[in-house]
Structure formats: structure tokens, C-alpha cells
């Protein structure tokens, strides 16, 4: 079963690299594994970015620090784990002129 990162990766590959996706032998297993690894990377990166509690830190300051770390980690993981490799990305068609 795909987690959120696995679903995001699959959608990105469908949009950006359909030819490379067609060559993946077992897409469900591939994206399940990508999702698991990305989830662990997100957890690790969130902890790293959040850092440790500071003396005198108020509750809402701590919550804000942790939430900011989660969002930043999610952006980095989406960029690094959920996109196909640059060499697999197909040229996007030029949007029609208005």
C-alpha cells in the first residue's frame, strides 16, 4: 500500500516521466519502497531541522518550530525523493499562446 510520499512520487512520474515509468517492472512495489524510504527521510530530516528544545521555550514556540521543520522537511523530501531523476524527465509541451 502506498503512503503519501509513494503516491506523490507515482503521480510525479506519471506526469513528468511516463516513458521511464512504463519501464519500471513492478510500479506498485517500486513506489511503495520509495514511499517508505521517503517517509523515513522525512522523519529524520524533521528531527534534524527541529533541533532540540531551548531553555524557556514556550509551548507555542515549540509547536511552531516543529511544524516549520515538518513543512521544510516535506518540501525537501518531495524534491529529492518524489521526483523522477532529471535524465528521465521528458520535455514538457509548450503551453498554448493566449
PDB file of N, CA and C in Angstrom:
ATOM      1  N   UNK A   1       0.842  -1.180   0.000  1.00  0.00           N
ATOM      2  CA  UNK A   1       0.000   0.000   0.000  1.00  0.00           C
ATOM      3  C   UNK A   1       0.892   1.250   0.000  1.00  0.00           C
ATOM      4  N   UNK A   2       0.554   2.182  -0.838  1.00  0.00           N
ATOM      5  CA  UNK A   2       1.357   3.391  -0.977  1.00  0.00           C
ATOM      6  C   UNK A   2       1.024   4.398   0.116  1.00  0.00           C
ATOM      7  N   UNK A   3       2.077   4.973   0.703  1.00  0.00           N
ATOM      8  CA  UNK A   3       1.869   6.075   1.632  1.00  0.00           C
ATOM      9  C   UNK A   3       1.825   7.375   0.829  1.00  0.00           C
ATOM     10  N   UNK A   4       1.725   8.494   1.523  1.00  0.00           N
ATOM     11  CA  UNK A   4       1.571   9.780   0.813  1.00  0.00           C
ATOM     12  C   UNK A   4       2.756  10.095  -0.085  1.00  0.00           C
ATOM     13  N   UNK A   5       3.967   9.749   0.351  1.00  0.00           N
ATOM     14  CA  UNK A   5       5.137  10.020  -0.476  1.00  0.00           C
ATOM     15  C   UNK A   5       5.170   9.099  -1.696  1.00  0.00           C
ATOM     16  N   UNK A   6       4.777   7.861  -1.521  1.00  0.00           N
ATOM     17  CA  UNK A   6       4.709   6.934  -2.651  1.00  0.00           C
ATOM     18  C   UNK A   6       3.696   7.396  -3.687  1.00  0.00           C
ATOM     19  N   UNK A   7       2.542   7.882  -3.219  1.00  0.00           N
ATOM     20  CA  UNK A   7       1.517   8.390  -4.145  1.00  0.00           C
ATOM     21  C   UNK A   7       2.016   9.634  -4.877  1.00  0.00           C
ATOM     22  N   UNK A   8       2.702  10.528  -4.142  1.00  0.00           N
ATOM     23  CA  UNK A   8       3.232  11.732  -4.774  1.00  0.00           C
ATOM     24  C   UNK A   8       4.288  11.386  -5.814  1.00  0.00           C
ATOM     25  N   UNK A   9       5.142  10.430  -5.485  1.00  0.00           N
ATOM     26  CA  UNK A   9       6.181  10.013  -6.429  1.00  0.00           C
ATOM     27  C   UNK A   9       5.552   9.418  -7.684  1.00  0.00           C
ATOM     28  N   UNK A  10       4.567   8.539  -7.505  1.00  0.00           N
ATOM     29  CA  UNK A  10       3.919   7.918  -8.660  1.00  0.00           C
ATOM     30  C   UNK A  10       3.260   8.983  -9.544  1.00  0.00           C
ATOM     31  N   UNK A  11       2.582   9.932  -8.939  1.00  0.00           N
ATOM     32  CA  UNK A  11       1.928  10.995  -9.715  1.00  0.00           C
ATOM     33  C   UNK A  11       2.961  11.832 -10.468  1.00  0.00           C
ATOM     34  N   UNK A  12       4.081  12.128  -9.820  1.00  0.00           N
ATOM     35  CA  UNK A  12       5.128  12.918 -10.476  1.00  0.00           C
ATOM     36  C   UNK A  12       5.706  12.159 -11.665  1.00  0.00           C
ATOM     37  N   UNK A  13       5.962  10.868 -11.483  1.00  0.00           N
ATOM     38  CA  UNK A  13       6.494  10.065 -12.586  1.00  0.00           C
ATOM     39  C   UNK A  13       5.483   9.975 -13.718  1.00  0.00           C
ATOM     40  N   UNK A  14       4.196   9.826 -13.405  1.00  0.00           N
ATOM     41  CA  UNK A  14       3.170   9.758 -14.452  1.00  0.00           C
ATOM     42  C   UNK A  14       3.141  11.038 -15.270  1.00  0.00           C
ATOM     43  N   UNK A  15       3.311  12.161 -14.589  1.00  0.00           N
ATOM     44  CA  UNK A  15       3.254  13.451 -15.271  1.00  0.00           C
ATOM     45  C   UNK A  15       4.554  13.792 -15.992  1.00  0.00           C
ATOM     46  N   UNK A  16       5.694  13.571 -15.324  1.00  0.00           N
ATOM     47  CA  UNK A  16       6.969  14.064 -15.836  1.00  0.00           C
ATOM     48  C   UNK A  16       7.790  13.043 -16.613  1.00  0.00           C
ATOM     49  N   UNK A  17       7.587  11.769 -16.320  1.00  0.00           N
ATOM     50  CA  UNK A  17       8.435  10.736 -16.944  1.00  0.00           C
ATOM     51  C   UNK A  17       7.629   9.485 -17.279  1.00  0.00           C
ATOM     52  N   UNK A  18       6.585   9.617 -18.091  1.00  0.00           N
ATOM     53  CA  UNK A  18       5.753   8.445 -18.394  1.00  0.00           C
ATOM     54  C   UNK A  18       6.511   7.325 -19.108  1.00  0.00           C
ATOM     55  N   UNK A  19       7.481   7.660 -19.930  1.00  0.00           N
ATOM     56  CA  UNK A  19       8.265   6.627 -20.625  1.00  0.00           C
ATOM     57  C   UNK A  19       9.094   5.831 -19.631  1.00  0.00           C
ATOM     58  N   UNK A  20       9.761   6.521 -18.714  1.00  0.00           N
ATOM     59  CA  UNK A  20      10.547   5.832 -17.683  1.00  0.00           C
ATOM     60  C   UNK A  20       9.644   5.022 -16.772  1.00  0.00           C
ATOM     61  N   UNK A  21       8.480   5.532 -16.452  1.00  0.00           N
ATOM     62  CA  UNK A  21       7.534   4.804 -15.612  1.00  0.00           C
ATOM     63  C   UNK A  21       7.100   3.509 -16.282  1.00  0.00           C
ATOM     64  N   UNK A  22       6.888   3.554 -17.589  1.00  0.00           N
ATOM     65  CA  UNK A  22       6.477   2.358 -18.321  1.00  0.00           C
ATOM     66  C   UNK A  22       7.544   1.263 -18.267  1.00  0.00           C
ATOM     67  N   UNK A  23       8.779   1.640 -18.020  1.00  0.00           N
ATOM     68  CA  UNK A  23       9.873   0.675 -17.961  1.00  0.00           C
ATOM     69  C   UNK A  23      10.084   0.085 -16.567  1.00  0.00           C
ATOM     70  N   UNK A  24       9.397   0.617 -15.566  1.00  0.00           N
ATOM     71  CA  UNK A  24       9.502   0.096 -14.207  1.00  0.00           C
ATOM     72  C   UNK A  24       8.772  -1.244 -14.171  1.00  0.00           C
ATOM     73  N   UNK A  25       9.493  -2.286 -13.745  1.00  0.00           N
ATOM     74  CA  UNK A  25       8.945  -3.645 -13.799  1.00  0.00           C
ATOM     75  C   UNK A  25       7.706  -3.828 -12.927  1.00  0.00           C
ATOM     76  N   UNK A  26       7.758  -3.377 -11.693  1.00  0.00           N
ATOM     77  CA  UNK A  26       6.623  -3.513 -10.784  1.00  0.00           C
ATOM     78  C   UNK A  26       6.388  -2.159 -10.111  1.00  0.00           C
ATOM     79  N   UNK A  27       5.605  -1.283 -10.732  1.00  0.00           N
ATOM     80  CA  UNK A  27       5.435   0.073 -10.220  1.00  0.00           C
ATOM     81  C   UNK A  27       4.902   0.130  -8.777  1.00  0.00           C
ATOM     82  N   UNK A  28       3.968  -0.746  -8.445  1.00  0.00           N
ATOM     83  CA  UNK A  28       3.393  -0.718  -7.098  1.00  0.00           C
ATOM     84  C   UNK A  28       4.472  -0.969  -6.045  1.00  0.00           C
ATOM     85  N   UNK A  29       5.285  -1.967  -6.254  1.00  0.00           N
ATOM     86  CA  UNK A  29       6.370  -2.278  -5.317  1.00  0.00           C
ATOM     87  C   UNK A  29       7.417  -1.167  -5.316  1.00  0.00           C
ATOM     88  N   UNK A  30       7.760  -0.683  -6.498  1.00  0.00           N
ATOM     89  CA  UNK A  30       8.759   0.382  -6.622  1.00  0.00           C
ATOM     90  C   UNK A  30       8.343   1.616  -5.824  1.00  0.00           C
ATOM     91  N   UNK A  31       7.109   2.076  -6.022  1.00  0.00           N
ATOM     92  CA  UNK A  31       6.662   3.296  -5.354  1.00  0.00           C
ATOM     93  C   UNK A  31       6.336   3.056  -3.882  1.00  0.00           C
ATOM     94  N   UNK A  32       5.988   1.840  -3.527  1.00  0.00           N
ATOM     95  CA  UNK A  32       5.819   1.527  -2.107  1.00  0.00           C
ATOM     96  C   UNK A  32       7.164   1.677  -1.389  1.00  0.00           C
ATOM     97  N   UNK A  33       8.233   1.156  -2.001  1.00  0.00           N
ATOM     98  CA  UNK A  33       9.570   1.250  -1.409  1.00  0.00           C
ATOM     99  C   UNK A  33      10.059   2.706  -1.385  1.00  0.00           C
ATOM    100  N   UNK A  34       9.836   3.434  -2.470  1.00  0.00           N
ATOM    101  CA  UNK A  34      10.198   4.859  -2.489  1.00  0.00           C
ATOM    102  C   UNK A  34       9.472   5.591  -1.365  1.00  0.00           C
ATOM    103  N   UNK A  35       8.198   5.293  -1.199  1.00  0.00           N
ATOM    104  CA  UNK A  35       7.412   5.942  -0.151  1.00  0.00           C
ATOM    105  C   UNK A  35       7.933   5.642   1.240  1.00  0.00           C
ATOM    106  N   UNK A  36       8.301   4.404   1.488  1.00  0.00           N
ATOM    107  CA  UNK A  36       8.834   4.009   2.800  1.00  0.00           C
ATOM    108  C   UNK A  36      10.144   4.743   3.074  1.00  0.00           C
ATOM    109  N   UNK A  37      11.031   4.753   2.090  1.00  0.00           N
ATOM    110  CA  UNK A  37      12.318   5.428   2.266  1.00  0.00           C
ATOM    111  C   UNK A  37      12.140   6.941   2.424  1.00  0.00           C
ATOM    112  N   UNK A  38      11.230   7.514   1.653  1.00  0.00           N
ATOM    113  CA  UNK A  38      10.976   8.956   1.745  1.00  0.00           C
ATOM    114  C   UNK A  38      10.375   9.309   3.101  1.00  0.00           C
ATOM    115  N   UNK A  39       9.486   8.482   3.593  1.00  0.00           N
ATOM    116  CA  UNK A  39       8.874   8.724   4.908  1.00  0.00           C
ATOM    117  C   UNK A  39       9.942   8.734   6.002  1.00  0.00           C
ATOM    118  N   UNK A  40      10.865   7.775   5.941  1.00  0.00           N
ATOM    119  CA  UNK A  40      11.932   7.726   6.938  1.00  0.00           C
ATOM    120  C   UNK A  40      12.846   8.940   6.799  1.00  0.00           C
ATOM    121  N   UNK A  41      13.134   9.339   5.568  1.00  0.00           N
ATOM    122  CA  UNK A  41      13.951  10.532   5.348  1.00  0.00           C
ATOM    123  C   UNK A  41      13.252  11.764   5.911  1.00  0.00           C
ATOM    124  N   UNK A  42      11.931  11.838   5.744  1.00  0.00           N
ATOM    125  CA  UNK A  42      11.156  12.964   6.264  1.00  0.00           C
ATOM    126  C   UNK A  42      11.229  13.016   7.789  1.00  0.00           C
ATOM    127  N   UNK A  43      11.071  11.871   8.431  1.00  0.00           N
ATOM    128  CA  UNK A  43      11.151  11.806   9.893  1.00  0.00           C
ATOM    129  C   UNK A  43      12.530  12.258  10.365  1.00  0.00           C
ATOM    130  N   UNK A  44      13.571  11.683   9.766  1.00  0.00           N
ATOM    131  CA  UNK A  44      14.939  12.017  10.169  1.00  0.00           C
ATOM    132  C   UNK A  44      15.243  13.494   9.955  1.00  0.00           C
ATOM    133  N   UNK A  45      14.843  14.006   8.805  1.00  0.00           N
ATOM    134  CA  UNK A  45      15.114  15.404   8.481  1.00  0.00           C
ATOM    135  C   UNK A  45      14.309  16.346   9.377  1.00  0.00           C
ATOM    136  N   UNK A  46      13.074  15.981   9.686  1.00  0.00           N
ATOM    137  CA  UNK A  46      12.258  16.797  10.590  1.00  0.00           C
ATOM    138  C   UNK A  46      12.935  16.930  11.944  1.00  0.00           C
ATOM    139  N   UNK A  47      13.409  15.809  12.475  1.00  0.00           N
ATOM    140  CA  UNK A  47      14.095  15.841  13.774  1.00  0.00           C
ATOM    141  C   UNK A  47      15.349  16.699  13.716  1.00  0.00           C
ATOM    142  N   UNK A  48      16.082  16.564  12.645  1.00  0.00           N
ATOM    143  CA  UNK A  48      17.318  17.340  12.475  1.00  0.00           C
ATOM    144  C   UNK A  48      17.008  18.834  12.380  1.00  0.00           C
ATOM    145  N   UNK A  49      16.027  19.190  11.558  1.00  0.00           N
ATOM    146  CA  UNK A  49      15.693  20.599  11.360  1.00  0.00           C
ATOM    147  C   UNK A  49      15.062  21.231  12.603  1.00  0.00           C
ATOM    148  N   UNK A  50      14.275  20.455  13.342  1.00  0.00           N
ATOM    149  CA  UNK A  50      13.611  20.979  14.535  1.00  0.00           C
ATOM    150  C   UNK A  50      14.620  21.288  15.638  1.00  0.00           C
ATOM    151  N   UNK A  51      15.669  20.504  15.692  1.00  0.00           N
ATOM    152  CA  UNK A  51      16.669  20.730  16.727  1.00  0.00           C
ATOM    153  C   UNK A  51      16.152  20.363  18.103  1.00  0.00           C
ATOM    154  N   UNK A  52      16.855  20.820  19.105  1.00  0.00           N
ATOM    155  CA  UNK A  52      16.490  20.490  20.480  1.00  0.00           C
ATOM    156  C   UNK A  52      15.722  21.636  21.116  1.00  0.00           C
ATOM    157  N   UNK A  53      15.033  21.313  22.182  1.00  0.00           N
ATOM    158  CA  UNK A  53      14.299  22.326  22.930  1.00  0.00           C
ATOM    159  C   UNK A  53      15.278  23.348  23.508  1.00  0.00           C
ATOM    160  N   UNK A  54      14.843  24.570  23.541  1.00  0.00           N
ATOM    161  CA  UNK A  54      15.687  25.608  24.129  1.00  0.00           C
ATOM    162  C   UNK A  54      15.137  25.966  25.500  1.00  0.00           C
ATOM    163  N   UNK A  55      16.001  26.292  26.430  1.00  0.00           N
ATOM    164  CA  UNK A  55      15.524  26.673  27.767  1.00  0.00           C
ATOM    165  C   UNK A  55      14.571  27.863  27.675  1.00  0.00           C
ATOM    166  N   UNK A  56      13.460  27.749  28.356  1.00  0.00           N
ATOM    167  CA  UNK A  56      12.484  28.831  28.381  1.00  0.00           C
ATOM    168  C   UNK A  56      11.583  28.904  27.166  1.00  0.00           C
ATOM    169  N   UNK A  57      11.692  27.950  26.261  1.00  0.00           N
ATOM    170  CA  UNK A  57      10.861  27.960  25.054  1.00  0.00           C
ATOM    171  C   UNK A  57       9.405  27.732  25.442  1.00  0.00           C
ATOM    172  N   UNK A  58       8.532  28.611  25.000  1.00  0.00           N
ATOM    173  CA  UNK A  58       7.102  28.482  25.284  1.00  0.00           C
ATOM    174  C   UNK A  58       6.504  27.358  24.431  1.00  0.00           C
ATOM    175  N   UNK A  59       5.391  26.850  24.881  1.00  0.00           N
ATOM    176  CA  UNK A  59       4.720  25.749  24.191  1.00  0.00           C
ATOM    177  C   UNK A  59       4.466  26.073  22.719  1.00  0.00           C
ATOM    178  N   UNK A  60       3.865  27.221  22.452  1.00  0.00           N
ATOM    179  CA  UNK A  60       3.523  27.563  21.067  1.00  0.00           C
ATOM    180  C   UNK A  60       4.762  27.835  20.216  1.00  0.00           C
ATOM    181  N   UNK A  61       5.816  28.298  20.820  1.00  0.00           N
ATOM    182  CA  UNK A  61       7.083  28.450  20.093  1.00  0.00           C
ATOM    183  C   UNK A  61       7.603  27.081  19.664  1.00  0.00           C
ATOM    184  N   UNK A  62       7.518  26.116  20.568  1.00  0.00           N
ATOM    185  CA  UNK A  62       7.973  24.765  20.255  1.00  0.00           C
ATOM    186  C   UNK A  62       7.123  24.154  19.144  1.00  0.00           C
ATOM    187  N   UNK A  63       5.820  24.308  19.263  1.00  0.00           N
ATOM    188  CA  UNK A  63       4.917  23.777  18.233  1.00  0.00           C
ATOM    189  C   UNK A  63       5.234  24.419  16.887  1.00  0.00           C
ATOM    190  N   UNK A  64       5.437  25.717  16.859  1.00  0.00           N
ATOM    191  CA  UNK A  64       5.764  26.413  15.617  1.00  0.00           C
ATOM    192  C   UNK A  64       7.080  25.941  15.026  1.00  0.00           C
ATOM    193  N   UNK A  65       8.073  25.747  15.883  1.00  0.00           N
ATOM    194  CA  UNK A  65       9.391  25.273  15.426  1.00  0.00           C
ATOM    195  C   UNK A  65       9.269  23.881  14.806  1.00  0.00           C
ATOM    196  N   UNK A  66       8.517  23.015  15.462  1.00  0.00           N
ATOM    197  CA  UNK A  66       8.363  21.641  14.958  1.00  0.00           C
ATOM    198  C   UNK A  66       7.558  21.623  13.662  1.00  0.00           C
ATOM    199  N   UNK A  67       6.479  22.392  13.599  1.00  0.00           N
ATOM    200  CA  UNK A  67       5.661  22.428  12.382  1.00  0.00           C
ATOM    201  C   UNK A  67       6.450  23.008  11.209  1.00  0.00           C
ATOM    202  N   UNK A  68       7.239  24.033  11.461  1.00  0.00           N
ATOM    203  CA  UNK A  68       8.080  24.604  10.400  1.00  0.00           C
ATOM    204  C   UNK A  68       9.086  23.571   9.911  1.00  0.00           C
ATOM    205  N   UNK A  69       9.656  22.800  10.826  1.00  0.00           N
ATOM    206  CA  UNK A  69      10.608  21.757  10.448  1.00  0.00           C
ATOM    207  C   UNK A  69       9.923  20.683   9.608  1.00  0.00           C
ATOM    208  N   UNK A  70       8.704  20.305   9.974  1.00  0.00           N
ATOM    209  CA  UNK A  70       7.953  19.300   9.203  1.00  0.00           C
ATOM    210  C   UNK A  70       7.702  19.779   7.771  1.00  0.00           C
ATOM    211  N   UNK A  71       7.290  21.030   7.646  1.00  0.00           N
ATOM    212  CA  UNK A  71       6.987  21.565   6.313  1.00  0.00           C
ATOM    213  C   UNK A  71       8.248  21.661   5.461  1.00  0.00           C
ATOM    214  N   UNK A  72       9.325  22.144   6.055  1.00  0.00           N
ATOM    215  CA  UNK A  72      10.574  22.256   5.306  1.00  0.00           C
ATOM    216  C   UNK A  72      11.082  20.874   4.908  1.00  0.00           C
ATOM    217  N   UNK A  73      11.002  19.921   5.818  1.00  0.00           N
ATOM    218  CA  UNK A  73      11.437  18.555   5.517  1.00  0.00           C
ATOM    219  C   UNK A  73      10.583  17.952   4.404  1.00  0.00           C
ATOM    220  N   UNK A  74       9.277  18.203   4.433  1.00  0.00           N
ATOM    221  CA  UNK A  74       8.380  17.677   3.395  1.00  0.00           C
ATOM    222  C   UNK A  74       8.761  18.232   2.026  1.00  0.00           C
ATOM    223  N   UNK A  75       9.063  19.525   1.966  1.00  0.00           N
ATOM    224  CA  UNK A  75       9.476  20.128   0.693  1.00  0.00           C
ATOM    225  C   UNK A  75      10.765  19.492   0.169  1.00  0.00           C
ATOM    226  N   UNK A  76      11.719  19.306   1.056  1.00  0.00           N
ATOM    227  CA  UNK A  76      12.998  18.715   0.642  1.00  0.00           C
ATOM    228  C   UNK A  76      12.833  17.265   0.214  1.00  0.00           C
ATOM    229  N   UNK A  77      12.036  16.505   0.937  1.00  0.00           N
ATOM    230  CA  UNK A  77      11.812  15.096   0.589  1.00  0.00           C
ATOM    231  C   UNK A  77      11.046  15.005  -0.729  1.00  0.00           C
ATOM    232  N   UNK A  78      10.060  15.860  -0.912  1.00  0.00           N
ATOM    233  CA  UNK A  78       9.331  15.840  -2.191  1.00  0.00           C
ATOM    234  C   UNK A  78      10.286  16.115  -3.345  1.00  0.00           C
ATOM    235  N   UNK A  79      11.181  17.062  -3.166  1.00  0.00           N
ATOM    236  CA  UNK A  79      12.149  17.397  -4.214  1.00  0.00           C
ATOM    237  C   UNK A  79      13.128  16.251  -4.459  1.00  0.00           C
ATOM    238  N   UNK A  80      13.638  15.685  -3.380  1.00  0.00           N
ATOM    239  CA  UNK A  80      14.717  14.699  -3.507  1.00  0.00           C
ATOM    240  C   UNK A  80      14.245  13.263  -3.720  1.00  0.00           C
ATOM    241  N   UNK A  81      13.062  12.928  -3.247  1.00  0.00           N
ATOM    242  CA  UNK A  81      12.609  11.537  -3.309  1.00  0.00           C
ATOM    243  C   UNK A  81      11.426  11.309  -4.241  1.00  0.00           C
ATOM    244  N   UNK A  82      10.595  12.303  -4.441  1.00  0.00           N
ATOM    245  CA  UNK A  82       9.328  12.084  -5.137  1.00  0.00           C
ATOM    246  C   UNK A  82       9.322  12.526  -6.591  1.00  0.00           C
ATOM    247  N   UNK A  83      10.431  12.989  -7.079  1.00  0.00           N
ATOM    248  CA  UNK A  83      10.532  13.360  -8.491  1.00  0.00           C
ATOM    249  C   UNK A  83      11.380  12.325  -9.211  1.00  0.00           C
ATOM    250  N   UNK A  84      11.068  12.070 -10.468  1.00  0.00           N
ATOM    251  CA  UNK A  84      11.934  11.161 -11.228  1.00  0.00           C
ATOM    252  C   UNK A  84      13.309  11.794 -11.431  1.00  0.00           C
ATOM    253  N   UNK A  85      14.310  10.976 -11.719  1.00  0.00           N
ATOM    254  CA  UNK A  85      15.636  11.541 -11.990  1.00  0.00           C
ATOM    255  C   UNK A  85      15.566  12.535 -13.150  1.00  0.00           C
ATOM    256  N   UNK A  86      16.389  13.550 -13.084  1.00  0.00           N
ATOM    257  CA  UNK A  86      16.367  14.612 -14.092  1.00  0.00           C
ATOM    258  C   UNK A  86      16.479  14.052 -15.505  1.00  0.00           C
ATOM    259  N   UNK A  87      17.331  13.044 -15.689  1.00  0.00           N
ATOM    260  CA  UNK A  87      17.533  12.489 -17.036  1.00  0.00           C
ATOM    261  C   UNK A  87      16.300  11.742 -17.559  1.00  0.00           C
ATOM    262  N   UNK A  88      15.362  11.379 -16.671  1.00  0.00           N
ATOM    263  CA  UNK A  88      14.148  10.674 -17.097  1.00  0.00           C
ATOM    264  C   UNK A  88      12.998  11.625 -17.408  1.00  0.00           C
ATOM    265  N   UNK A  89      13.126  12.871 -16.977  1.00  0.00           N
ATOM    266  CA  UNK A  89      12.045  13.832 -17.189  1.00  0.00           C
ATOM    267  C   UNK A  89      11.963  14.192 -18.664  1.00  0.00           C
ATOM    268  N   UNK A  90      10.755  14.081 -19.175  1.00  0.00           N
ATOM    269  CA  UNK A  90      10.517  14.372 -20.592  1.00  0.00           C
ATOM    270  C   UNK A  90      10.222  15.858 -20.769  1.00  0.00           C
ATOM    271  N   UNK A  91      10.539  16.356 -21.929  1.00  0.00           N
ATOM    272  CA  UNK A  91      10.294  17.753 -22.235  1.00  0.00           C
ATOM    273  C   UNK A  91       8.798  18.016 -22.179  1.00  0.00           C
ATOM    274  N   UNK A  92       8.481  19.057 -21.435  1.00  0.00           N
ATOM    275  CA  UNK A  92       7.073  19.427 -21.320  1.00  0.00           C
ATOM    276  C   UNK A  92       6.639  20.196 -22.570  1.00  0.00           C
ATOM    277  N   UNK A  93       5.442  19.910 -23.064  1.00  0.00           N
ATOM    278  CA  UNK A  93       4.968  20.684 -24.211  1.00  0.00           C
ATOM    279  C   UNK A  93       4.799  22.159 -23.854  1.00  0.00           C
ATOM    280  N   UNK A  94       5.024  22.992 -24.818  1.00  0.00           N
ATOM    281  CA  UNK A  94       4.861  24.424 -24.613  1.00  0.00           C
ATOM    282  C   UNK A  94       3.386  24.739 -24.483  1.00  0.00           C
ATOM    283  N   UNK A  95       2.987  25.506 -23.468  1.00  0.00           N
ATOM    284  CA  UNK A  95       1.572  25.837 -23.323  1.00  0.00           C
ATOM    285  C   UNK A  95       1.104  26.667 -24.518  1.00  0.00           C
ATOM    286  N   UNK A  96      -0.158  26.525 -24.866  1.00  0.00           N
ATOM    287  CA  UNK A  96      -0.673  27.313 -25.988  1.00  0.00           C
ATOM    288  C   UNK A  96      -0.643  28.809 -25.705  1.00  0.00           C
ATOM    289  N   UNK A  97      -0.405  29.579 -26.747  1.00  0.00           N
ATOM    290  CA  UNK A  97      -0.378  31.044 -26.612  1.00  0.00           C
ATOM    291  C   UNK A  97      -1.783  31.544 -26.358  1.00  0.00           C
ATOM    292  N   UNK A  98      -1.875  32.581 -25.584  1.00  0.00           N
ATOM    293  CA  UNK A  98      -3.200  33.155 -25.273  1.00  0.00           C
ATOM    294  C   UNK A  98      -3.590  34.172 -26.284  1.00  0.00           C
TER     295      UNK A  98
END
